[in-house]
């Protein structure tokens, strides 16, 4: 298994936990070198129990000590209240309580991870931040069909060199469960949509559901896959079939929509594979991701992503896809 410890980020994490300025990430832009490498960096943390958890570093803005939380009425389950941090008023989710781990009751959740997700900023209370690891995506396994308890809140599992398993949280599903999925508004159907098809790939069940709703409103057909590797295998099979029949793949699929971070093969490598195969010529790749920083857009551009849409802006997704489906 390919593993590296990201030393500079580890130092940044420890400084942030001890109150130093600068937060967790010195510069996300400096890490665009991960594009196309099929690697991800995971911030490891605990909730006061034996289990180890992880979150993609790109979703974390900083790590700091837990601060005074203002309690407010009618908060969703697991939300302790709100805090003000660097000009942002944000909700704070107690992950141990939200996930329902009995062993975390009474355990001080003394660290707060500040995450950015689809242009929203929020805090996650955890017991302790461990360090950051770099891991090959092909060593990260999807959990669908593997787990029962909290299965929809854990998107993947990977293994540390000492054999300890790490559960990688599905931030999208956690936020949808805590705050609601939102409603897809009015989206006008495209002309002759029943003749058009979008192939989309996303490892998050809630993301696939929302994408499907938008495509249904556009009136177009769709094919879906649950991770990058599955998506690439299905795309190759479709391309082989069309090629053998003497046809053109663009007549069968008009757009490929990919997530950025996925088990087994990420969206950047999937995009590279598509762009390197002439059979996909003329089919635009749209990246639909909750990682909305300029650095992530730059990563996508480097590997050939044609358009970038932040999750979960249904109108923006529909308006990006519409001209590609006419």
C-alpha atoms as a PDB file:
ATOM      1  CA  UNK A   1       0.000   0.000   0.000  1.00  0.00           C
ATOM      2  CA  UNK A   2       1.318   3.410  -0.964  1.00  0.00           C
ATOM      3  CA  UNK A   3       1.334   5.665   2.088  1.00  0.00           C
ATOM      4  CA  UNK A   4       3.108   8.906   2.869  1.00  0.00           C
ATOM      5  CA  UNK A   5       2.859  11.246   5.809  1.00  0.00           C
ATOM      6  CA  UNK A   6       2.420  14.842   4.728  1.00  0.00           C
ATOM      7  CA  UNK A   7       4.925  16.413   7.120  1.00  0.00           C
ATOM      8  CA  UNK A   8       4.259  20.066   6.417  1.00  0.00           C
ATOM      9  CA  UNK A   9       0.518  19.601   6.850  1.00  0.00           C
ATOM     10  CA  UNK A  10       1.022  17.565   9.996  1.00  0.00           C
ATOM     11  CA  UNK A  11       3.029  20.444  11.465  1.00  0.00           C
ATOM     12  CA  UNK A  12       0.308  22.853  10.417  1.00  0.00           C
ATOM     13  CA  UNK A  13      -2.301  20.699  12.129  1.00  0.00           C
ATOM     14  CA  UNK A  14      -0.386  20.551  15.394  1.00  0.00           C
ATOM     15  CA  UNK A  15       0.221  24.310  15.356  1.00  0.00           C
ATOM     16  CA  UNK A  16      -3.434  24.984  14.767  1.00  0.00           C
ATOM     17  CA  UNK A  17      -4.449  22.689  17.594  1.00  0.00           C
ATOM     18  CA  UNK A  18      -2.189  24.631  19.923  1.00  0.00           C
ATOM     19  CA  UNK A  19      -3.699  27.950  18.948  1.00  0.00           C
ATOM     20  CA  UNK A  20      -1.177  29.244  16.426  1.00  0.00           C
ATOM     21  CA  UNK A  21      -2.398  31.358  13.528  1.00  0.00           C
ATOM     22  CA  UNK A  22      -2.522  30.028  10.015  1.00  0.00           C
ATOM     23  CA  UNK A  23      -4.837  27.062  10.550  1.00  0.00           C
ATOM     24  CA  UNK A  24      -4.474  23.628   9.071  1.00  0.00           C
ATOM     25  CA  UNK A  25      -3.598  24.368   5.479  1.00  0.00           C
ATOM     26  CA  UNK A  26      -0.737  26.707   4.590  1.00  0.00           C
ATOM     27  CA  UNK A  27      -1.686  26.607   0.920  1.00  0.00           C
ATOM     28  CA  UNK A  28      -4.175  24.323  -0.765  1.00  0.00           C
ATOM     29  CA  UNK A  29      -2.961  25.620  -4.123  1.00  0.00           C
ATOM     30  CA  UNK A  30       0.457  24.046  -3.496  1.00  0.00           C
ATOM     31  CA  UNK A  31      -1.170  20.608  -3.634  1.00  0.00           C
ATOM     32  CA  UNK A  32      -2.564  20.727  -7.133  1.00  0.00           C
ATOM     33  CA  UNK A  33       0.236  18.276  -7.949  1.00  0.00           C
ATOM     34  CA  UNK A  34      -2.106  15.531  -6.743  1.00  0.00           C
ATOM     35  CA  UNK A  35      -4.196  16.008  -9.885  1.00  0.00           C
ATOM     36  CA  UNK A  36      -4.006  12.888 -12.012  1.00  0.00           C
ATOM     37  CA  UNK A  37      -1.968  10.978  -9.449  1.00  0.00           C
ATOM     38  CA  UNK A  38      -5.033   9.099  -8.119  1.00  0.00           C
ATOM     39  CA  UNK A  39      -4.008  10.005  -4.583  1.00  0.00           C
ATOM     40  CA  UNK A  40      -5.875  11.759  -1.822  1.00  0.00           C
ATOM     41  CA  UNK A  41      -4.840  13.230   1.504  1.00  0.00           C
ATOM     42  CA  UNK A  42      -6.911  12.215   4.508  1.00  0.00           C
ATOM     43  CA  UNK A  43      -7.042  13.992   7.841  1.00  0.00           C
ATOM     44  CA  UNK A  44      -7.316  11.302  10.530  1.00  0.00           C
ATOM     45  CA  UNK A  45      -9.251  11.953  13.730  1.00  0.00           C
ATOM     46  CA  UNK A  46     -10.943  10.177  16.634  1.00  0.00           C
ATOM     47  CA  UNK A  47     -14.186  10.731  18.521  1.00  0.00           C
ATOM     48  CA  UNK A  48     -13.029   9.352  21.863  1.00  0.00           C
ATOM     49  CA  UNK A  49     -13.704   5.722  20.950  1.00  0.00           C
ATOM     50  CA  UNK A  50     -11.441   3.097  19.401  1.00  0.00           C
ATOM     51  CA  UNK A  51     -12.556   3.843  15.849  1.00  0.00           C
ATOM     52  CA  UNK A  52     -10.443   5.943  13.488  1.00  0.00           C
ATOM     53  CA  UNK A  53     -12.111   8.288  11.011  1.00  0.00           C
ATOM     54  CA  UNK A  54     -10.944  10.327   8.063  1.00  0.00           C
ATOM     55  CA  UNK A  55     -12.011  13.284   5.938  1.00  0.00           C
ATOM     56  CA  UNK A  56     -10.549  14.566   2.685  1.00  0.00           C
ATOM     57  CA  UNK A  57      -8.096  17.360   3.514  1.00  0.00           C
ATOM     58  CA  UNK A  58      -9.438  19.471   0.668  1.00  0.00           C
ATOM     59  CA  UNK A  59     -12.685  19.869   2.605  1.00  0.00           C
ATOM     60  CA  UNK A  60     -10.926  21.185   5.722  1.00  0.00           C
ATOM     61  CA  UNK A  61     -10.110  24.882   6.033  1.00  0.00           C
ATOM     62  CA  UNK A  62      -8.488  24.707   9.462  1.00  0.00           C
ATOM     63  CA  UNK A  63      -8.300  22.835  12.761  1.00  0.00           C
ATOM     64  CA  UNK A  64      -8.580  24.657  16.081  1.00  0.00           C
ATOM     65  CA  UNK A  65      -9.517  24.108  19.688  1.00  0.00           C
ATOM     66  CA  UNK A  66     -13.241  23.888  20.367  1.00  0.00           C
ATOM     67  CA  UNK A  67     -14.609  27.257  21.422  1.00  0.00           C
ATOM     68  CA  UNK A  68     -17.611  28.651  23.211  1.00  0.00           C
ATOM     69  CA  UNK A  69     -20.749  27.433  21.451  1.00  0.00           C
ATOM     70  CA  UNK A  70     -23.962  29.445  21.487  1.00  0.00           C
ATOM     71  CA  UNK A  71     -26.911  27.151  22.047  1.00  0.00           C
ATOM     72  CA  UNK A  72     -29.954  27.874  19.922  1.00  0.00           C
ATOM     73  CA  UNK A  73     -33.408  26.279  20.017  1.00  0.00           C
ATOM     74  CA  UNK A  74     -34.667  23.690  17.573  1.00  0.00           C
ATOM     75  CA  UNK A  75     -31.250  22.633  16.350  1.00  0.00           C
ATOM     76  CA  UNK A  76     -31.091  19.468  14.200  1.00  0.00           C
ATOM     77  CA  UNK A  77     -29.896  16.252  15.835  1.00  0.00           C
ATOM     78  CA  UNK A  78     -26.185  16.396  16.622  1.00  0.00           C
ATOM     79  CA  UNK A  79     -25.859  20.153  16.159  1.00  0.00           C
ATOM     80  CA  UNK A  80     -24.604  21.704  19.412  1.00  0.00           C
ATOM     81  CA  UNK A  81     -25.176  25.308  18.316  1.00  0.00           C
ATOM     82  CA  UNK A  82     -23.364  28.055  16.444  1.00  0.00           C
ATOM     83  CA  UNK A  83     -20.013  29.837  16.739  1.00  0.00           C
ATOM     84  CA  UNK A  84     -18.401  32.910  15.230  1.00  0.00           C
ATOM     85  CA  UNK A  85     -14.999  32.299  13.659  1.00  0.00           C
ATOM     86  CA  UNK A  86     -13.116  34.821  11.536  1.00  0.00           C
ATOM     87  CA  UNK A  87     -16.276  36.612  10.542  1.00  0.00           C
ATOM     88  CA  UNK A  88     -18.288  33.476   9.794  1.00  0.00           C
ATOM     89  CA  UNK A  89     -21.333  32.436  11.821  1.00  0.00           C
ATOM     90  CA  UNK A  90     -21.518  28.679  11.387  1.00  0.00           C
ATOM     91  CA  UNK A  91     -23.269  25.649  12.871  1.00  0.00           C
ATOM     92  CA  UNK A  92     -21.223  23.141  14.846  1.00  0.00           C
ATOM     93  CA  UNK A  93     -21.981  19.447  14.497  1.00  0.00           C
ATOM     94  CA  UNK A  94     -20.916  17.084  17.289  1.00  0.00           C
ATOM     95  CA  UNK A  95     -19.833  14.109  15.175  1.00  0.00           C
ATOM     96  CA  UNK A  96     -19.710  11.586  18.027  1.00  0.00           C
ATOM     97  CA  UNK A  97     -23.272  12.357  19.079  1.00  0.00           C
ATOM     98  CA  UNK A  98     -24.508  12.592  15.499  1.00  0.00           C
ATOM     99  CA  UNK A  99     -23.060   9.201  14.564  1.00  0.00           C
ATOM    100  CA  UNK A 100     -24.525   7.669  17.727  1.00  0.00           C
ATOM    101  CA  UNK A 101     -21.343   6.201  19.236  1.00  0.00           C
ATOM    102  CA  UNK A 102     -22.235   5.330  22.827  1.00  0.00           C
ATOM    103  CA  UNK A 103     -18.576   5.274  23.828  1.00  0.00           C
ATOM    104  CA  UNK A 104     -18.260   8.985  23.127  1.00  0.00           C
ATOM    105  CA  UNK A 105     -20.890  10.107  25.652  1.00  0.00           C
ATOM    106  CA  UNK A 106     -19.186  12.271  28.272  1.00  0.00           C
ATOM    107  CA  UNK A 107     -15.959  12.387  26.263  1.00  0.00           C
ATOM    108  CA  UNK A 108     -14.772  15.932  25.682  1.00  0.00           C
ATOM    109  CA  UNK A 109     -14.857  16.798  22.004  1.00  0.00           C
ATOM    110  CA  UNK A 110     -12.042  19.298  22.342  1.00  0.00           C
ATOM    111  CA  UNK A 111     -11.100  19.923  18.712  1.00  0.00           C
ATOM    112  CA  UNK A 112     -13.046  21.580  15.912  1.00  0.00           C
ATOM    113  CA  UNK A 113     -12.453  20.926  12.224  1.00  0.00           C
ATOM    114  CA  UNK A 114     -13.695  23.794  10.080  1.00  0.00           C
ATOM    115  CA  UNK A 115     -14.917  22.433   6.753  1.00  0.00           C
ATOM    116  CA  UNK A 116     -16.054  24.047   3.531  1.00  0.00           C
ATOM    117  CA  UNK A 117     -18.718  22.213   1.625  1.00  0.00           C
ATOM    118  CA  UNK A 118     -20.589  23.480  -1.418  1.00  0.00           C
ATOM    119  CA  UNK A 119     -19.856  27.097  -0.467  1.00  0.00           C
ATOM    120  CA  UNK A 120     -21.000  26.534   3.116  1.00  0.00           C
ATOM    121  CA  UNK A 121     -18.715  26.647   6.154  1.00  0.00           C
ATOM    122  CA  UNK A 122     -19.374  24.620   9.296  1.00  0.00           C
ATOM    123  CA  UNK A 123     -17.581  23.087  12.247  1.00  0.00           C
ATOM    124  CA  UNK A 124     -17.216  19.418  13.195  1.00  0.00           C
ATOM    125  CA  UNK A 125     -16.480  18.698  16.850  1.00  0.00           C
ATOM    126  CA  UNK A 126     -14.101  15.749  17.309  1.00  0.00           C
ATOM    127  CA  UNK A 127     -12.022  14.403  20.178  1.00  0.00           C
ATOM    128  CA  UNK A 128      -8.578  14.569  18.631  1.00  0.00           C
ATOM    129  CA  UNK A 129      -6.953  15.169  15.251  1.00  0.00           C
ATOM    130  CA  UNK A 130      -4.198  12.638  14.615  1.00  0.00           C
ATOM    131  CA  UNK A 131      -2.273  13.475  11.432  1.00  0.00           C
ATOM    132  CA  UNK A 132      -2.558  13.551   7.658  1.00  0.00           C
ATOM    133  CA  UNK A 133      -1.798  10.645   5.357  1.00  0.00           C
ATOM    134  CA  UNK A 134      -1.555  10.394   1.594  1.00  0.00           C
ATOM    135  CA  UNK A 135      -3.148   7.286   0.146  1.00  0.00           C
ATOM    136  CA  UNK A 136      -3.777   5.844  -3.307  1.00  0.00           C
ATOM    137  CA  UNK A 137      -7.454   6.041  -4.245  1.00  0.00           C
ATOM    138  CA  UNK A 138      -7.270   2.469  -5.525  1.00  0.00           C
ATOM    139  CA  UNK A 139      -6.620   1.408  -1.919  1.00  0.00           C
ATOM    140  CA  UNK A 140      -9.808   3.115  -0.765  1.00  0.00           C
ATOM    141  CA  UNK A 141     -12.789   0.772  -0.872  1.00  0.00           C
ATOM    142  CA  UNK A 142     -16.416   1.816  -1.237  1.00  0.00           C
ATOM    143  CA  UNK A 143     -18.675   0.598   1.564  1.00  0.00           C
ATOM    144  CA  UNK A 144     -21.959   0.121  -0.264  1.00  0.00           C
ATOM    145  CA  UNK A 145     -23.334  -3.274   0.657  1.00  0.00           C
ATOM    146  CA  UNK A 146     -20.615  -3.810   3.302  1.00  0.00           C
ATOM    147  CA  UNK A 147     -22.006  -2.027   6.357  1.00  0.00           C
ATOM    148  CA  UNK A 148     -25.313  -1.689   8.151  1.00  0.00           C
ATOM    149  CA  UNK A 149     -24.980   0.810  11.001  1.00  0.00           C
ATOM    150  CA  UNK A 150     -24.193   4.311   9.729  1.00  0.00           C
ATOM    151  CA  UNK A 151     -23.559   2.789   6.304  1.00  0.00           C
ATOM    152  CA  UNK A 152     -24.909   5.820   4.490  1.00  0.00           C
ATOM    153  CA  UNK A 153     -22.640   8.151   6.498  1.00  0.00           C
ATOM    154  CA  UNK A 154     -19.409   6.325   5.657  1.00  0.00           C
ATOM    155  CA  UNK A 155     -18.465   6.486   1.999  1.00  0.00           C
ATOM    156  CA  UNK A 156     -15.287   4.374   2.027  1.00  0.00           C
ATOM    157  CA  UNK A 157     -12.735   2.469   4.115  1.00  0.00           C
ATOM    158  CA  UNK A 158      -8.961   2.315   3.890  1.00  0.00           C
ATOM    159  CA  UNK A 159      -6.306   0.538   5.938  1.00  0.00           C
ATOM    160  CA  UNK A 160      -3.328   1.999   7.805  1.00  0.00           C
ATOM    161  CA  UNK A 161       0.084   0.308   7.690  1.00  0.00           C
ATOM    162  CA  UNK A 162      -0.540  -1.136  11.182  1.00  0.00           C
ATOM    163  CA  UNK A 163      -3.735  -2.801   9.965  1.00  0.00           C
ATOM    164  CA  UNK A 164      -6.114  -0.335  11.600  1.00  0.00           C
ATOM    165  CA  UNK A 165      -9.121   0.519   9.454  1.00  0.00           C
ATOM    166  CA  UNK A 166     -10.156   4.103   8.758  1.00  0.00           C
ATOM    167  CA  UNK A 167     -13.787   5.011   8.002  1.00  0.00           C
ATOM    168  CA  UNK A 168     -13.947   7.930   5.577  1.00  0.00           C
ATOM    169  CA  UNK A 169     -17.017  10.028   6.221  1.00  0.00           C
ATOM    170  CA  UNK A 170     -19.495  11.014   3.533  1.00  0.00           C
ATOM    171  CA  UNK A 171     -19.764  14.717   4.361  1.00  0.00           C
ATOM    172  CA  UNK A 172     -22.521  15.200   1.804  1.00  0.00           C
ATOM    173  CA  UNK A 173     -24.708  12.539   3.398  1.00  0.00           C
ATOM    174  CA  UNK A 174     -23.991  13.793   6.923  1.00  0.00           C
ATOM    175  CA  UNK A 175     -25.062  17.320   6.033  1.00  0.00           C
ATOM    176  CA  UNK A 176     -28.093  16.116   4.114  1.00  0.00           C
ATOM    177  CA  UNK A 177     -29.114  14.005   7.126  1.00  0.00           C
ATOM    178  CA  UNK A 178     -28.542  16.859   9.567  1.00  0.00           C
ATOM    179  CA  UNK A 179     -29.910  19.818   7.623  1.00  0.00           C
ATOM    180  CA  UNK A 180     -32.027  18.272   4.881  1.00  0.00           C
ATOM    181  CA  UNK A 181     -31.305  17.580   1.239  1.00  0.00           C
ATOM    182  CA  UNK A 182     -32.932  20.695  -0.172  1.00  0.00           C
ATOM    183  CA  UNK A 183     -35.420  20.781  -2.986  1.00  0.00           C
ATOM    184  CA  UNK A 184     -34.594  20.916  -6.671  1.00  0.00           C
ATOM    185  CA  UNK A 185     -36.463  23.972  -7.948  1.00  0.00           C
ATOM    186  CA  UNK A 186     -37.932  24.722 -11.321  1.00  0.00           C
ATOM    187  CA  UNK A 187     -35.824  23.338 -14.160  1.00  0.00           C
ATOM    188  CA  UNK A 188     -37.046  23.574 -17.751  1.00  0.00           C
ATOM    189  CA  UNK A 189     -36.792  20.443 -19.858  1.00  0.00           C
ATOM    190  CA  UNK A 190     -34.542  20.450 -22.922  1.00  0.00           C
ATOM    191  CA  UNK A 191     -35.953  19.871 -26.379  1.00  0.00           C
ATOM    192  CA  UNK A 192     -35.888  16.209 -27.474  1.00  0.00           C
ATOM    193  CA  UNK A 193     -34.402  15.307 -24.094  1.00  0.00           C
ATOM    194  CA  UNK A 194     -35.641  11.727 -24.411  1.00  0.00           C
ATOM    195  CA  UNK A 195     -33.068  11.246 -27.185  1.00  0.00           C
ATOM    196  CA  UNK A 196     -30.162  12.523 -25.045  1.00  0.00           C
ATOM    197  CA  UNK A 197     -28.130  10.837 -22.306  1.00  0.00           C
ATOM    198  CA  UNK A 198     -25.838  11.968 -19.484  1.00  0.00           C
ATOM    199  CA  UNK A 199     -23.411   9.488 -17.943  1.00  0.00           C
ATOM    200  CA  UNK A 200     -22.714  10.476 -14.324  1.00  0.00           C
ATOM    201  CA  UNK A 201     -20.389   9.094 -11.666  1.00  0.00           C
ATOM    202  CA  UNK A 202     -20.586   9.808  -7.929  1.00  0.00           C
ATOM    203  CA  UNK A 203     -19.874   7.710  -4.846  1.00  0.00           C
ATOM    204  CA  UNK A 204     -22.376   9.580  -2.653  1.00  0.00           C
ATOM    205  CA  UNK A 205     -25.913   8.201  -2.622  1.00  0.00           C
ATOM    206  CA  UNK A 206     -27.411  11.601  -1.812  1.00  0.00           C
ATOM    207  CA  UNK A 207     -25.442  13.189  -4.677  1.00  0.00           C
ATOM    208  CA  UNK A 208     -26.652  10.565  -7.155  1.00  0.00           C
ATOM    209  CA  UNK A 209     -30.208  11.169  -6.020  1.00  0.00           C
ATOM    210  CA  UNK A 210     -29.969  14.950  -6.503  1.00  0.00           C
ATOM    211  CA  UNK A 211     -28.250  14.606  -9.885  1.00  0.00           C
ATOM    212  CA  UNK A 212     -30.948  12.165 -10.974  1.00  0.00           C
ATOM    213  CA  UNK A 213     -33.654  14.649  -9.983  1.00  0.00           C
ATOM    214  CA  UNK A 214     -32.070  17.390 -12.089  1.00  0.00           C
ATOM    215  CA  UNK A 215     -31.697  15.097 -15.097  1.00  0.00           C
ATOM    216  CA  UNK A 216     -35.294  13.939 -14.727  1.00  0.00           C
ATOM    217  CA  UNK A 217     -36.463  17.571 -14.808  1.00  0.00           C
ATOM    218  CA  UNK A 218     -34.311  18.199 -17.888  1.00  0.00           C
ATOM    219  CA  UNK A 219     -36.071  15.230 -19.430  1.00  0.00           C
ATOM    220  CA  UNK A 220     -32.906  13.395 -20.446  1.00  0.00           C
ATOM    221  CA  UNK A 221     -31.853   9.792 -19.999  1.00  0.00           C
ATOM    222  CA  UNK A 222     -28.998   8.873 -17.688  1.00  0.00           C
ATOM    223  CA  UNK A 223     -26.540   6.127 -16.877  1.00  0.00           C
ATOM    224  CA  UNK A 224     -24.829   6.118 -13.493  1.00  0.00           C
ATOM    225  CA  UNK A 225     -21.837   4.560 -11.760  1.00  0.00           C
ATOM    226  CA  UNK A 226     -20.846   4.584  -8.095  1.00  0.00           C
ATOM    227  CA  UNK A 227     -17.097   5.246  -8.329  1.00  0.00           C
ATOM    228  CA  UNK A 228     -14.471   6.231 -10.852  1.00  0.00           C
ATOM    229  CA  UNK A 229     -13.242   2.726 -11.615  1.00  0.00           C
ATOM    230  CA  UNK A 230     -16.760   1.380 -12.141  1.00  0.00           C
ATOM    231  CA  UNK A 231     -17.507   4.412 -14.286  1.00  0.00           C
ATOM    232  CA  UNK A 232     -14.433   3.896 -16.470  1.00  0.00           C
ATOM    233  CA  UNK A 233     -15.153   0.184 -16.960  1.00  0.00           C
ATOM    234  CA  UNK A 234     -18.742   0.935 -17.968  1.00  0.00           C
ATOM    235  CA  UNK A 235     -17.666   3.727 -20.307  1.00  0.00           C
ATOM    236  CA  UNK A 236     -15.112   1.462 -21.989  1.00  0.00           C
ATOM    237  CA  UNK A 237     -17.746  -1.243 -22.454  1.00  0.00           C
ATOM    238  CA  UNK A 238     -20.113   1.283 -24.050  1.00  0.00           C
ATOM    239  CA  UNK A 239     -17.336   2.585 -26.293  1.00  0.00           C
ATOM    240  CA  UNK A 240     -16.374  -0.942 -27.344  1.00  0.00           C
ATOM    241  CA  UNK A 241     -19.963  -1.770 -28.242  1.00  0.00           C
ATOM    242  CA  UNK A 242     -20.478   1.391 -30.280  1.00  0.00           C
ATOM    243  CA  UNK A 243     -17.140   0.951 -32.040  1.00  0.00           C
ATOM    244  CA  UNK A 244     -17.920  -2.648 -32.959  1.00  0.00           C
ATOM    245  CA  UNK A 245     -21.251  -1.508 -34.399  1.00  0.00           C
ATOM    246  CA  UNK A 246     -19.509   1.154 -36.476  1.00  0.00           C
ATOM    247  CA  UNK A 247     -21.215   3.993 -34.621  1.00  0.00           C
ATOM    248  CA  UNK A 248     -20.095   7.096 -32.763  1.00  0.00           C
ATOM    249  CA  UNK A 249     -20.156   7.236 -28.956  1.00  0.00           C
ATOM    250  CA  UNK A 250     -21.162  10.902 -28.945  1.00  0.00           C
ATOM    251  CA  UNK A 251     -24.460   9.842 -30.491  1.00  0.00           C
ATOM    252  CA  UNK A 252     -25.110   7.646 -27.428  1.00  0.00           C
ATOM    253  CA  UNK A 253     -23.730   9.849 -24.629  1.00  0.00           C
ATOM    254  CA  UNK A 254     -23.721  13.634 -24.847  1.00  0.00           C
ATOM    255  CA  UNK A 255     -22.091  14.520 -21.490  1.00  0.00           C
ATOM    256  CA  UNK A 256     -20.028  12.791 -18.793  1.00  0.00           C
ATOM    257  CA  UNK A 257     -20.550  14.227 -15.292  1.00  0.00           C
ATOM    258  CA  UNK A 258     -17.946  13.250 -12.683  1.00  0.00           C
ATOM    259  CA  UNK A 259     -17.333  13.798  -8.982  1.00  0.00           C
ATOM    260  CA  UNK A 260     -13.800  14.768  -7.927  1.00  0.00           C
ATOM    261  CA  UNK A 261     -13.128  12.429  -4.994  1.00  0.00           C
ATOM    262  CA  UNK A 262     -14.207   8.810  -5.338  1.00  0.00           C
ATOM    263  CA  UNK A 263     -12.915   5.427  -4.135  1.00  0.00           C
ATOM    264  CA  UNK A 264     -10.744   3.276  -6.413  1.00  0.00           C
ATOM    265  CA  UNK A 265     -10.346   5.984  -9.088  1.00  0.00           C
ATOM    266  CA  UNK A 266     -10.887   9.707  -8.591  1.00  0.00           C
ATOM    267  CA  UNK A 267     -12.577  12.042 -11.031  1.00  0.00           C
ATOM    268  CA  UNK A 268      -9.296  13.562 -12.196  1.00  0.00           C
ATOM    269  CA  UNK A 269      -7.866  10.232 -13.351  1.00  0.00           C
ATOM    270  CA  UNK A 270     -11.220   9.277 -14.867  1.00  0.00           C
ATOM    271  CA  UNK A 271     -11.170  12.534 -16.839  1.00  0.00           C
ATOM    272  CA  UNK A 272      -7.603  11.870 -17.996  1.00  0.00           C
ATOM    273  CA  UNK A 273      -8.625   8.429 -19.218  1.00  0.00           C
ATOM    274  CA  UNK A 274     -11.592   9.844 -21.133  1.00  0.00           C
ATOM    275  CA  UNK A 275      -9.552  12.620 -22.733  1.00  0.00           C
ATOM    276  CA  UNK A 276      -6.814  10.166 -23.764  1.00  0.00           C
ATOM    277  CA  UNK A 277      -9.280   7.906 -25.620  1.00  0.00           C
ATOM    278  CA  UNK A 278     -10.263   9.192 -29.071  1.00  0.00           C
ATOM    279  CA  UNK A 279     -13.564   7.352 -28.931  1.00  0.00           C
ATOM    280  CA  UNK A 280     -14.776   9.992 -26.429  1.00  0.00           C
ATOM    281  CA  UNK A 281     -13.901  12.886 -28.717  1.00  0.00           C
ATOM    282  CA  UNK A 282     -16.536  15.604 -28.645  1.00  0.00           C
ATOM    283  CA  UNK A 283     -18.033  14.467 -25.309  1.00  0.00           C
ATOM    284  CA  UNK A 284     -17.529  17.199 -22.678  1.00  0.00           C
ATOM    285  CA  UNK A 285     -16.600  16.285 -19.105  1.00  0.00           C
ATOM    286  CA  UNK A 286     -18.305  18.284 -16.368  1.00  0.00           C
ATOM    287  CA  UNK A 287     -16.908  18.050 -12.832  1.00  0.00           C
ATOM    288  CA  UNK A 288     -19.619  18.302 -10.167  1.00  0.00           C
ATOM    289  CA  UNK A 289     -17.923  18.598  -6.796  1.00  0.00           C
ATOM    290  CA  UNK A 290     -18.341  19.968  -3.284  1.00  0.00           C
ATOM    291  CA  UNK A 291     -14.632  20.919  -3.433  1.00  0.00           C
ATOM    292  CA  UNK A 292     -15.218  24.433  -4.691  1.00  0.00           C
ATOM    293  CA  UNK A 293     -11.836  26.153  -4.232  1.00  0.00           C
ATOM    294  CA  UNK A 294      -9.792  27.672  -7.057  1.00  0.00           C
ATOM    295  CA  UNK A 295      -7.186  24.964  -6.438  1.00  0.00           C
ATOM    296  CA  UNK A 296      -9.666  22.219  -7.260  1.00  0.00           C
ATOM    297  CA  UNK A 297     -10.774  24.018 -10.384  1.00  0.00           C
ATOM    298  CA  UNK A 298      -7.124  24.286 -11.408  1.00  0.00           C
ATOM    299  CA  UNK A 299      -6.677  20.563 -10.822  1.00  0.00           C
ATOM    300  CA  UNK A 300      -9.641  19.836 -13.058  1.00  0.00           C
ATOM    301  CA  UNK A 301      -8.410  22.138 -15.807  1.00  0.00           C
ATOM    302  CA  UNK A 302      -5.010  20.448 -15.820  1.00  0.00           C
ATOM    303  CA  UNK A 303      -6.496  17.052 -16.598  1.00  0.00           C
ATOM    304  CA  UNK A 304      -9.004  18.271 -19.188  1.00  0.00           C
ATOM    305  CA  UNK A 305     -12.244  19.011 -17.326  1.00  0.00           C
ATOM    306  CA  UNK A 306     -14.373  21.175 -19.626  1.00  0.00           C
ATOM    307  CA  UNK A 307     -16.802  22.645 -17.077  1.00  0.00           C
ATOM    308  CA  UNK A 308     -16.941  22.825 -13.279  1.00  0.00           C
ATOM    309  CA  UNK A 309     -20.139  23.010 -11.207  1.00  0.00           C
ATOM    310  CA  UNK A 310     -20.260  23.188  -7.382  1.00  0.00           C
ATOM    311  CA  UNK A 311     -22.601  20.856  -5.512  1.00  0.00           C
ATOM    312  CA  UNK A 312     -25.564  21.116  -4.902  1.00  0.00           C
ATOM    313  CA  UNK A 313     -26.673  24.023  -7.020  1.00  0.00           C
ATOM    314  CA  UNK A 314     -29.392  22.397  -9.095  1.00  0.00           C
ATOM    315  CA  UNK A 315     -29.976  25.503 -11.219  1.00  0.00           C
ATOM    316  CA  UNK A 316     -26.257  25.899 -11.975  1.00  0.00           C
ATOM    317  CA  UNK A 317     -26.009  22.212 -12.882  1.00  0.00           C
ATOM    318  CA  UNK A 318     -29.035  22.421 -15.180  1.00  0.00           C
ATOM    319  CA  UNK A 319     -27.818  25.605 -16.876  1.00  0.00           C
ATOM    320  CA  UNK A 320     -24.342  24.119 -17.390  1.00  0.00           C
ATOM    321  CA  UNK A 321     -25.749  20.952 -18.934  1.00  0.00           C
ATOM    322  CA  UNK A 322     -28.450  22.617 -21.065  1.00  0.00           C
ATOM    323  CA  UNK A 323     -26.222  24.036 -23.846  1.00  0.00           C
ATOM    324  CA  UNK A 324     -24.333  20.742 -23.961  1.00  0.00           C
ATOM    325  CA  UNK A 325     -27.579  18.877 -24.613  1.00  0.00           C
ATOM    326  CA  UNK A 326     -28.827  20.920 -27.576  1.00  0.00           C
END
